[in-house]
Full PDB file with SEQRES, HELIX, SHEET, SSBOND, CRYST1, ORIGX, SCALE, CONECT and MASTER records, all heavy atoms in Angstrom:
SEQRES   1 A   34  PHE ALA ALA THR ILE VAL ALA PRO GLY LEU ALA ARG ILE          
SEQRES   2 A   34  ARG PHE ALA GLY GLN GLU LEU GLU HIS VAL PHE GLY MET          
SEQRES   3 A   34  ASP VAL ARG GLY MET PRO MET SER                              
HELIX    1 AA1 GLN A   18  PHE A   24  1                                   7    
SHEET    1 AA1 2 ALA A   2  ALA A   7  0                                        
SHEET    2 AA1 2 LEU A  10  PHE A  15 -1                                        
CRYST1    1.000    1.000    1.000  90.00  90.00  90.00 P 1           1          
ORIGX1      1.000000  0.000000  0.000000        0.00000                         
ORIGX2      0.000000  1.000000  0.000000        0.00000                         
ORIGX3      0.000000  0.000000  1.000000        0.00000                         
SCALE1      1.000000  0.000000  0.000000        0.00000                         
SCALE2      0.000000  1.000000  0.000000        0.00000                         
SCALE3      0.000000  0.000000  1.000000        0.00000                         
ATOM      1  N   PHE A   1       2.805  -5.988  -4.371  1.00  0.00           N  
ATOM      2  CA  PHE A   1       1.853  -4.890  -4.168  1.00  0.00           C  
ATOM      3  C   PHE A   1       1.822  -4.064  -5.406  1.00  0.00           C  
ATOM      4  O   PHE A   1       2.727  -4.059  -6.243  1.00  0.00           O  
ATOM      5  CB  PHE A   1       2.225  -4.050  -2.933  1.00  0.00           C  
ATOM      6  CG  PHE A   1       3.473  -3.222  -3.128  1.00  0.00           C  
ATOM      7  CD1 PHE A   1       3.474  -1.972  -3.647  1.00  0.00           C  
ATOM      8  CD2 PHE A   1       4.692  -3.776  -2.714  1.00  0.00           C  
ATOM      9  CE1 PHE A   1       4.650  -1.254  -3.806  1.00  0.00           C  
ATOM     10  CE2 PHE A   1       5.895  -3.045  -2.851  1.00  0.00           C  
ATOM     11  CZ  PHE A   1       5.857  -1.771  -3.383  1.00  0.00           C  
ATOM     12  N   ALA A   2       0.706  -3.352  -5.596  1.00  0.00           N  
ATOM     13  CA  ALA A   2       0.574  -2.387  -6.666  1.00  0.00           C  
ATOM     14  C   ALA A   2       0.196  -1.032  -6.047  1.00  0.00           C  
ATOM     15  O   ALA A   2      -0.581  -1.002  -5.095  1.00  0.00           O  
ATOM     16  CB  ALA A   2      -0.492  -2.846  -7.663  1.00  0.00           C  
ATOM     17  N   ALA A   3       0.756   0.034  -6.616  1.00  0.00           N  
ATOM     18  CA  ALA A   3       0.521   1.382  -6.043  1.00  0.00           C  
ATOM     19  C   ALA A   3       0.338   2.385  -7.182  1.00  0.00           C  
ATOM     20  O   ALA A   3       0.846   2.174  -8.276  1.00  0.00           O  
ATOM     21  CB  ALA A   3       1.687   1.797  -5.141  1.00  0.00           C  
ATOM     22  N   THR A   4      -0.379   3.420  -6.817  1.00  0.00           N  
ATOM     23  CA  THR A   4      -0.624   4.564  -7.786  1.00  0.00           C  
ATOM     24  C   THR A   4       0.141   5.764  -7.266  1.00  0.00           C  
ATOM     25  O   THR A   4       0.039   6.144  -6.071  1.00  0.00           O  
ATOM     26  CB  THR A   4      -2.091   4.887  -7.862  1.00  0.00           C  
ATOM     27  OG1 THR A   4      -2.812   3.736  -8.361  1.00  0.00           O  
ATOM     28  CG2 THR A   4      -2.334   6.050  -8.816  1.00  0.00           C  
ATOM     29  N   ILE A   5       0.915   6.389  -8.157  1.00  0.00           N  
ATOM     30  CA  ILE A   5       1.612   7.628  -7.756  1.00  0.00           C  
ATOM     31  C   ILE A   5       0.615   8.756  -7.867  1.00  0.00           C  
ATOM     32  O   ILE A   5       0.043   9.052  -8.889  1.00  0.00           O  
ATOM     33  CB  ILE A   5       2.799   7.883  -8.711  1.00  0.00           C  
ATOM     34  CG1 ILE A   5       3.783   6.720  -8.587  1.00  0.00           C  
ATOM     35  CG2 ILE A   5       3.493   9.219  -8.425  1.00  0.00           C  
ATOM     36  CD1 ILE A   5       4.915   6.734  -9.628  1.00  0.00           C  
ATOM     37  N   VAL A   6       0.411   9.453  -6.721  1.00  0.00           N  
ATOM     38  CA  VAL A   6      -0.584  10.505  -6.636  1.00  0.00           C  
ATOM     39  C   VAL A   6       0.050  11.856  -6.722  1.00  0.00           C  
ATOM     40  O   VAL A   6      -0.643  12.904  -6.989  1.00  0.00           O  
ATOM     41  CB  VAL A   6      -1.422  10.374  -5.377  1.00  0.00           C  
ATOM     42  CG1 VAL A   6      -2.259   9.070  -5.409  1.00  0.00           C  
ATOM     43  CG2 VAL A   6      -0.592  10.396  -4.123  1.00  0.00           C  
ATOM     44  N   ALA A   7       1.329  11.958  -6.496  1.00  0.00           N  
ATOM     45  CA  ALA A   7       2.144  13.204  -6.611  1.00  0.00           C  
ATOM     46  C   ALA A   7       3.576  12.768  -6.607  1.00  0.00           C  
ATOM     47  O   ALA A   7       3.898  11.646  -6.235  1.00  0.00           O  
ATOM     48  CB  ALA A   7       1.834  14.152  -5.420  1.00  0.00           C  
ATOM     49  N   PRO A   8       4.493  13.623  -7.065  1.00  0.00           N  
ATOM     50  CA  PRO A   8       5.924  13.202  -7.078  1.00  0.00           C  
ATOM     51  C   PRO A   8       6.346  12.763  -5.657  1.00  0.00           C  
ATOM     52  O   PRO A   8       6.254  13.471  -4.675  1.00  0.00           O  
ATOM     53  CB  PRO A   8       6.632  14.472  -7.508  1.00  0.00           C  
ATOM     54  CG  PRO A   8       5.652  15.191  -8.349  1.00  0.00           C  
ATOM     55  CD  PRO A   8       4.313  14.954  -7.704  1.00  0.00           C  
ATOM     56  N   GLY A   9       6.832  11.520  -5.594  1.00  0.00           N  
ATOM     57  CA  GLY A   9       7.319  10.951  -4.330  1.00  0.00           C  
ATOM     58  C   GLY A   9       6.253  10.422  -3.402  1.00  0.00           C  
ATOM     59  O   GLY A   9       6.597   9.921  -2.327  1.00  0.00           O  
ATOM     60  N   LEU A  10       4.997  10.385  -3.829  1.00  0.00           N  
ATOM     61  CA  LEU A  10       3.893   9.949  -3.019  1.00  0.00           C  
ATOM     62  C   LEU A  10       3.075   8.936  -3.752  1.00  0.00           C  
ATOM     63  O   LEU A  10       2.788   9.108  -4.938  1.00  0.00           O  
ATOM     64  CB  LEU A  10       2.962  11.121  -2.588  1.00  0.00           C  
ATOM     65  CG  LEU A  10       3.651  12.267  -1.822  1.00  0.00           C  
ATOM     66  CD1 LEU A  10       2.624  13.397  -1.600  1.00  0.00           C  
ATOM     67  CD2 LEU A  10       4.190  11.802  -0.470  1.00  0.00           C  
ATOM     68  N   ALA A  11       2.731   7.850  -3.092  1.00  0.00           N  
ATOM     69  CA  ALA A  11       1.996   6.763  -3.725  1.00  0.00           C  
ATOM     70  C   ALA A  11       0.985   6.174  -2.749  1.00  0.00           C  
ATOM     71  O   ALA A  11       1.189   6.170  -1.525  1.00  0.00           O  
ATOM     72  CB  ALA A  11       2.901   5.680  -4.236  1.00  0.00           C  
ATOM     73  N   ARG A  12      -0.083   5.651  -3.295  1.00  0.00           N  
ATOM     74  CA  ARG A  12      -1.134   4.979  -2.516  1.00  0.00           C  
ATOM     75  C   ARG A  12      -1.262   3.522  -2.961  1.00  0.00           C  
ATOM     76  O   ARG A  12      -1.257   3.219  -4.124  1.00  0.00           O  
ATOM     77  CB  ARG A  12      -2.459   5.710  -2.719  1.00  0.00           C  
ATOM     78  CG  ARG A  12      -3.557   5.264  -1.768  1.00  0.00           C  
ATOM     79  CD  ARG A  12      -4.806   6.121  -1.925  1.00  0.00           C  
ATOM     80  NE  ARG A  12      -4.545   7.513  -1.539  1.00  0.00           N  
ATOM     81  CZ  ARG A  12      -4.558   7.966  -0.316  1.00  0.00           C  
ATOM     82  NH1 ARG A  12      -4.882   7.157   0.687  1.00  0.00           N  
ATOM     83  NH2 ARG A  12      -4.320   9.248  -0.030  1.00  0.00           N  
ATOM     84  N   ILE A  13      -1.380   2.614  -1.987  1.00  0.00           N  
ATOM     85  CA  ILE A  13      -1.404   1.200  -2.261  1.00  0.00           C  
ATOM     86  C   ILE A  13      -2.803   0.815  -2.797  1.00  0.00           C  
ATOM     87  O   ILE A  13      -3.828   1.165  -2.198  1.00  0.00           O  
ATOM     88  CB  ILE A  13      -1.088   0.382  -1.005  1.00  0.00           C  
ATOM     89  CG1 ILE A  13       0.320   0.683  -0.543  1.00  0.00           C  
ATOM     90  CG2 ILE A  13      -1.278  -1.117  -1.253  1.00  0.00           C  
ATOM     91  CD1 ILE A  13       0.713   0.034   0.755  1.00  0.00           C  
ATOM     92  N   ARG A  14      -2.830   0.095  -3.905  1.00  0.00           N  
ATOM     93  CA  ARG A  14      -4.089  -0.391  -4.512  1.00  0.00           C  
ATOM     94  C   ARG A  14      -4.282  -1.889  -4.287  1.00  0.00           C  
ATOM     95  O   ARG A  14      -5.403  -2.344  -4.231  1.00  0.00           O  
ATOM     96  CB  ARG A  14      -4.101  -0.071  -6.009  1.00  0.00           C  
ATOM     97  CG  ARG A  14      -4.066   1.402  -6.320  1.00  0.00           C  
ATOM     98  CD  ARG A  14      -5.175   2.175  -5.641  1.00  0.00           C  
ATOM     99  NE  ARG A  14      -5.154   3.616  -5.975  1.00  0.00           N  
ATOM    100  CZ  ARG A  14      -5.920   4.531  -5.336  1.00  0.00           C  
ATOM    101  NH1 ARG A  14      -6.652   4.137  -4.306  1.00  0.00           N  
ATOM    102  NH2 ARG A  14      -5.810   5.766  -5.703  1.00  0.00           N  
ATOM    103  N   PHE A  15      -3.189  -2.628  -4.216  1.00  0.00           N  
ATOM    104  CA  PHE A  15      -3.261  -4.058  -3.988  1.00  0.00           C  
ATOM    105  C   PHE A  15      -2.076  -4.447  -3.106  1.00  0.00           C  
ATOM    106  O   PHE A  15      -0.956  -3.880  -3.265  1.00  0.00           O  
ATOM    107  CB  PHE A  15      -3.201  -4.833  -5.285  1.00  0.00           C  
ATOM    108  CG  PHE A  15      -2.846  -6.294  -5.127  1.00  0.00           C  
ATOM    109  CD1 PHE A  15      -3.860  -7.208  -4.798  1.00  0.00           C  
ATOM    110  CD2 PHE A  15      -1.548  -6.774  -5.194  1.00  0.00           C  
ATOM    111  CE1 PHE A  15      -3.621  -8.556  -4.602  1.00  0.00           C  
ATOM    112  CE2 PHE A  15      -1.278  -8.084  -4.971  1.00  0.00           C  
ATOM    113  CZ  PHE A  15      -2.288  -9.002  -4.664  1.00  0.00           C  
ATOM    114  N   ALA A  16      -2.297  -5.341  -2.159  1.00  0.00           N  
ATOM    115  CA  ALA A  16      -1.192  -5.818  -1.322  1.00  0.00           C  
ATOM    116  C   ALA A  16      -1.389  -7.303  -1.027  1.00  0.00           C  
ATOM    117  O   ALA A  16      -2.452  -7.762  -0.732  1.00  0.00           O  
ATOM    118  CB  ALA A  16      -1.142  -5.040   0.028  1.00  0.00           C  
ATOM    119  N   GLY A  17      -0.277  -8.030  -1.193  1.00  0.00           N  
ATOM    120  CA  GLY A  17      -0.317  -9.442  -0.925  1.00  0.00           C  
ATOM    121  C   GLY A  17      -0.203  -9.777   0.527  1.00  0.00           C  
ATOM    122  O   GLY A  17      -0.179  -8.871   1.421  1.00  0.00           O  
ATOM    123  N   GLN A  18      -0.076 -11.052   0.861  1.00  0.00           N  
ATOM    124  CA  GLN A  18      -0.138 -11.482   2.282  1.00  0.00           C  
ATOM    125  C   GLN A  18       1.023 -11.000   3.110  1.00  0.00           C  
ATOM    126  O   GLN A  18       0.873 -10.867   4.306  1.00  0.00           O  
ATOM    127  CB  GLN A  18      -0.235 -13.005   2.306  1.00  0.00           C  
ATOM    128  CG  GLN A  18      -1.483 -13.563   1.717  1.00  0.00           C  
ATOM    129  CD  GLN A  18      -1.461 -15.075   1.591  1.00  0.00           C  
ATOM    130  OE1 GLN A  18      -0.417 -15.632   1.207  1.00  0.00           O  
ATOM    131  NE2 GLN A  18      -2.550 -15.766   1.930  1.00  0.00           N  
ATOM    132  N   GLU A  19       2.164 -10.758   2.479  1.00  0.00           N  
ATOM    133  CA  GLU A  19       3.358 -10.382   3.252  1.00  0.00           C  
ATOM    134  C   GLU A  19       3.082  -9.076   4.019  1.00  0.00           C  
ATOM    135  O   GLU A  19       3.319  -8.974   5.195  1.00  0.00           O  
ATOM    136  CB  GLU A  19       4.542 -10.224   2.338  1.00  0.00           C  
ATOM    137  CG  GLU A  19       5.866  -9.980   3.067  1.00  0.00           C  
ATOM    138  CD  GLU A  19       6.614 -11.246   3.474  1.00  0.00           C  
ATOM    139  OE1 GLU A  19       5.950 -12.294   3.585  1.00  0.00           O  
ATOM    140  OE2 GLU A  19       7.814 -11.132   3.730  1.00  0.00           O  
ATOM    141  N   LEU A  20       2.528  -8.042   3.328  1.00  0.00           N  
ATOM    142  CA  LEU A  20       2.307  -6.790   3.962  1.00  0.00           C  
ATOM    143  C   LEU A  20       1.150  -6.883   4.971  1.00  0.00           C  
ATOM    144  O   LEU A  20       1.177  -6.280   6.013  1.00  0.00           O  
ATOM    145  CB  LEU A  20       1.977  -5.705   2.924  1.00  0.00           C  
ATOM    146  CG  LEU A  20       3.178  -5.114   2.176  1.00  0.00           C  
ATOM    147  CD1 LEU A  20       2.737  -4.143   1.125  1.00  0.00           C  
ATOM    148  CD2 LEU A  20       4.160  -4.459   3.148  1.00  0.00           C  
ATOM    149  N   GLU A  21       0.165  -7.697   4.652  1.00  0.00           N  
ATOM    150  CA  GLU A  21      -0.968  -7.873   5.566  1.00  0.00           C  
ATOM    151  C   GLU A  21      -0.497  -8.521   6.883  1.00  0.00           C  
ATOM    152  O   GLU A  21      -0.942  -8.151   7.943  1.00  0.00           O  
ATOM    153  CB  GLU A  21      -2.069  -8.720   4.910  1.00  0.00           C  
ATOM    154  CG  GLU A  21      -2.816  -8.020   3.801  1.00  0.00           C  
ATOM    155  CD  GLU A  21      -3.967  -8.856   3.292  1.00  0.00           C  
ATOM    156  OE1 GLU A  21      -4.212  -9.939   3.799  1.00  0.00           O  
ATOM    157  OE2 GLU A  21      -4.633  -8.354   2.365  1.00  0.00           O  
ATOM    158  N   HIS A  22       0.428  -9.473   6.788  1.00  0.00           N  
ATOM    159  CA  HIS A  22       0.941 -10.114   7.965  1.00  0.00           C  
ATOM    160  C   HIS A  22       1.787  -9.163   8.822  1.00  0.00           C  
ATOM    161  O   HIS A  22       1.743  -9.207  10.031  1.00  0.00           O  
ATOM    162  CB  HIS A  22       1.735 -11.356   7.597  1.00  0.00           C  
ATOM    163  CG  HIS A  22       0.873 -12.590   7.380  1.00  0.00           C  
ATOM    164  ND1 HIS A  22       0.349 -13.331   8.406  1.00  0.00           N  
ATOM    165  CD2 HIS A  22       0.431 -13.155   6.231  1.00  0.00           C  
ATOM    166  CE1 HIS A  22      -0.363 -14.303   7.898  1.00  0.00           C  
ATOM    167  NE2 HIS A  22      -0.341 -14.226   6.597  1.00  0.00           N  
ATOM    168  N   VAL A  23       2.598  -8.364   8.178  1.00  0.00           N  
ATOM    169  CA  VAL A  23       3.445  -7.426   8.885  1.00  0.00           C  
ATOM    170  C   VAL A  23       2.610  -6.421   9.663  1.00  0.00           C  
ATOM    171  O   VAL A  23       2.895  -6.157  10.857  1.00  0.00           O  
ATOM    172  CB  VAL A  23       4.418  -6.673   7.912  1.00  0.00           C  
ATOM    173  CG1 VAL A  23       5.118  -5.546   8.660  1.00  0.00           C  
ATOM    174  CG2 VAL A  23       5.410  -7.656   7.364  1.00  0.00           C  
ATOM    175  N   PHE A  24       1.517  -5.945   9.027  1.00  0.00           N  
ATOM    176  CA  PHE A  24       0.749  -4.869   9.694  1.00  0.00           C  
ATOM    177  C   PHE A  24      -0.506  -5.375  10.365  1.00  0.00           C  
ATOM    178  O   PHE A  24      -1.180  -4.646  11.096  1.00  0.00           O  
ATOM    179  CB  PHE A  24       0.382  -3.791   8.660  1.00  0.00           C  
ATOM    180  CG  PHE A  24       1.589  -3.051   8.210  1.00  0.00           C  
ATOM    181  CD1 PHE A  24       2.258  -3.380   7.031  1.00  0.00           C  
ATOM    182  CD2 PHE A  24       2.128  -2.012   8.968  1.00  0.00           C  
ATOM    183  CE1 PHE A  24       3.364  -2.735   6.624  1.00  0.00           C  
ATOM    184  CE2 PHE A  24       3.232  -1.356   8.562  1.00  0.00           C  
ATOM    185  CZ  PHE A  24       3.876  -1.699   7.370  1.00  0.00           C  
ATOM    186  N   GLY A  25      -0.871  -6.648  10.151  1.00  0.00           N  
ATOM    187  CA  GLY A  25      -2.040  -7.202  10.791  1.00  0.00           C  
ATOM    188  C   GLY A  25      -3.328  -6.624  10.298  1.00  0.00           C  
ATOM    189  O   GLY A  25      -4.364  -6.672  11.037  1.00  0.00           O  
ATOM    190  N   MET A  26      -3.381  -6.098   9.069  1.00  0.00           N  
ATOM    191  CA  MET A  26      -4.578  -5.556   8.537  1.00  0.00           C  
ATOM    192  C   MET A  26      -4.450  -5.368   7.039  1.00  0.00           C  
ATOM    193  O   MET A  26      -3.335  -5.490   6.488  1.00  0.00           O  
ATOM    194  CB  MET A  26      -4.881  -4.195   9.176  1.00  0.00           C  
ATOM    195  CG  MET A  26      -3.822  -3.144   8.932  1.00  0.00           C  
ATOM    196  SD  MET A  26      -4.208  -1.567   9.764  1.00  0.00           S  
ATOM    197  CE  MET A  26      -2.759  -0.614   9.311  1.00  0.00           C  
ATOM    198  N   ASP A  27      -5.559  -5.028   6.407  1.00  0.00           N  
ATOM    199  CA  ASP A  27      -5.586  -4.765   4.978  1.00  0.00           C  
ATOM    200  C   ASP A  27      -5.060  -3.353   4.741  1.00  0.00           C  
ATOM    201  O   ASP A  27      -5.594  -2.398   5.291  1.00  0.00           O  
ATOM    202  CB  ASP A  27      -7.002  -4.885   4.460  1.00  0.00           C  
ATOM    203  CG  ASP A  27      -7.127  -4.762   2.972  1.00  0.00           C  
ATOM    204  OD1 ASP A  27      -6.125  -4.420   2.295  1.00  0.00           O  
ATOM    205  OD2 ASP A  27      -8.191  -5.029   2.413  1.00  0.00           O  
ATOM    206  N   VAL A  28      -3.955  -3.233   3.991  1.00  0.00           N  
ATOM    207  CA  VAL A  28      -3.354  -1.933   3.808  1.00  0.00           C  
ATOM    208  C   VAL A  28      -3.759  -1.260   2.513  1.00  0.00           C  
ATOM    209  O   VAL A  28      -3.237  -0.195   2.172  1.00  0.00           O  
ATOM    210  CB  VAL A  28      -1.789  -2.047   3.849  1.00  0.00           C  
ATOM    211  CG1 VAL A  28      -1.345  -2.555   5.241  1.00  0.00           C  
ATOM    212  CG2 VAL A  28      -1.265  -2.944   2.734  1.00  0.00           C  
ATOM    213  N   ARG A  29      -4.687  -1.890   1.773  1.00  0.00           N  
ATOM    214  CA  ARG A  29      -5.151  -1.242   0.526  1.00  0.00           C  
ATOM    215  C   ARG A  29      -5.780   0.125   0.806  1.00  0.00           C  
ATOM    216  O   ARG A  29      -6.531   0.312   1.747  1.00  0.00           O  
ATOM    217  CB  ARG A  29      -6.189  -2.145  -0.160  1.00  0.00           C  
ATOM    218  CG  ARG A  29      -5.597  -3.395  -0.789  1.00  0.00           C  
ATOM    219  CD  ARG A  29      -6.658  -4.282  -1.379  1.00  0.00           C  
ATOM    220  NE  ARG A  29      -7.600  -4.729  -0.388  1.00  0.00           N  
ATOM    221  CZ  ARG A  29      -8.672  -5.481  -0.630  1.00  0.00           C  
ATOM    222  NH1 ARG A  29      -8.930  -5.849  -1.877  1.00  0.00           N  
ATOM    223  NH2 ARG A  29      -9.438  -5.871   0.340  1.00  0.00           N  
ATOM    224  N   GLY A  30      -5.419   1.059  -0.043  1.00  0.00           N  
ATOM    225  CA  GLY A  30      -5.914   2.415   0.088  1.00  0.00           C  
ATOM    226  C   GLY A  30      -5.075   3.312   0.986  1.00  0.00           C  
ATOM    227  O   GLY A  30      -5.271   4.536   0.995  1.00  0.00           O  
ATOM    228  N   MET A  31      -4.078   2.744   1.638  1.00  0.00           N  
ATOM    229  CA  MET A  31      -3.232   3.545   2.542  1.00  0.00           C  
ATOM    230  C   MET A  31      -2.092   4.187   1.759  1.00  0.00           C  
ATOM    231  O   MET A  31      -1.601   3.625   0.800  1.00  0.00           O  
ATOM    232  CB  MET A  31      -2.680   2.623   3.642  1.00  0.00           C  
ATOM    233  CG  MET A  31      -3.687   2.077   4.594  1.00  0.00           C  
ATOM    234  SD  MET A  31      -2.913   0.975   5.862  1.00  0.00           S  
ATOM    235  CE  MET A  31      -1.711   2.081   6.635  1.00  0.00           C  
ATOM    236  N   PRO A  32      -1.621   5.370   2.147  1.00  0.00           N  
ATOM    237  CA  PRO A  32      -0.404   5.921   1.567  1.00  0.00           C  
ATOM    238  C   PRO A  32       0.777   5.008   1.915  1.00  0.00           C  
ATOM    239  O   PRO A  32       0.869   4.487   3.043  1.00  0.00           O  
ATOM    240  CB  PRO A  32      -0.246   7.254   2.290  1.00  0.00           C  
ATOM    241  CG  PRO A  32      -1.565   7.557   2.899  1.00  0.00           C  
ATOM    242  CD  PRO A  32      -2.191   6.253   3.217  1.00  0.00           C  
ATOM    243  N   MET A  33       1.686   4.806   0.971  1.00  0.00           N  
ATOM    244  CA  MET A  33       2.865   3.990   1.260  1.00  0.00           C  
ATOM    245  C   MET A  33       3.646   4.514   2.448  1.00  0.00           C  
ATOM    246  O   MET A  33       4.214   3.741   3.196  1.00  0.00           O  
ATOM    247  CB  MET A  33       3.757   3.827   0.025  1.00  0.00           C  
ATOM    248  CG  MET A  33       3.183   2.910  -1.024  1.00  0.00           C  
ATOM    249  SD  MET A  33       4.449   2.533  -2.318  1.00  0.00           S  
ATOM    250  CE  MET A  33       5.723   1.643  -1.367  1.00  0.00           C  
ATOM    251  N   SER A  34       3.714   5.854   2.579  1.00  0.00           N  
ATOM    252  CA  SER A  34       4.472   6.420   3.639  1.00  0.00           C  
ATOM    253  C   SER A  34       4.001   5.995   5.018  1.00  0.00           C  
ATOM    254  O   SER A  34       4.737   5.987   5.983  1.00  0.00           O  
ATOM    255  CB  SER A  34       4.479   7.933   3.538  1.00  0.00           C  
ATOM    256  OG  SER A  34       3.132   8.438   3.613  1.00  0.00           O  
TER     257      SER A  34                                                      
MASTER        0    0    0    1    2    0    0    6  256    1    0    3          
END                                                                             
């Protein structure tokens, strides 16, 4: 996955491979990592 740090300790996902998509059952791009 690739993420952008938007503030100290906070990041937003920009790219996610199949592993995260399978775990969550959806496209997680654009979501906060938290």
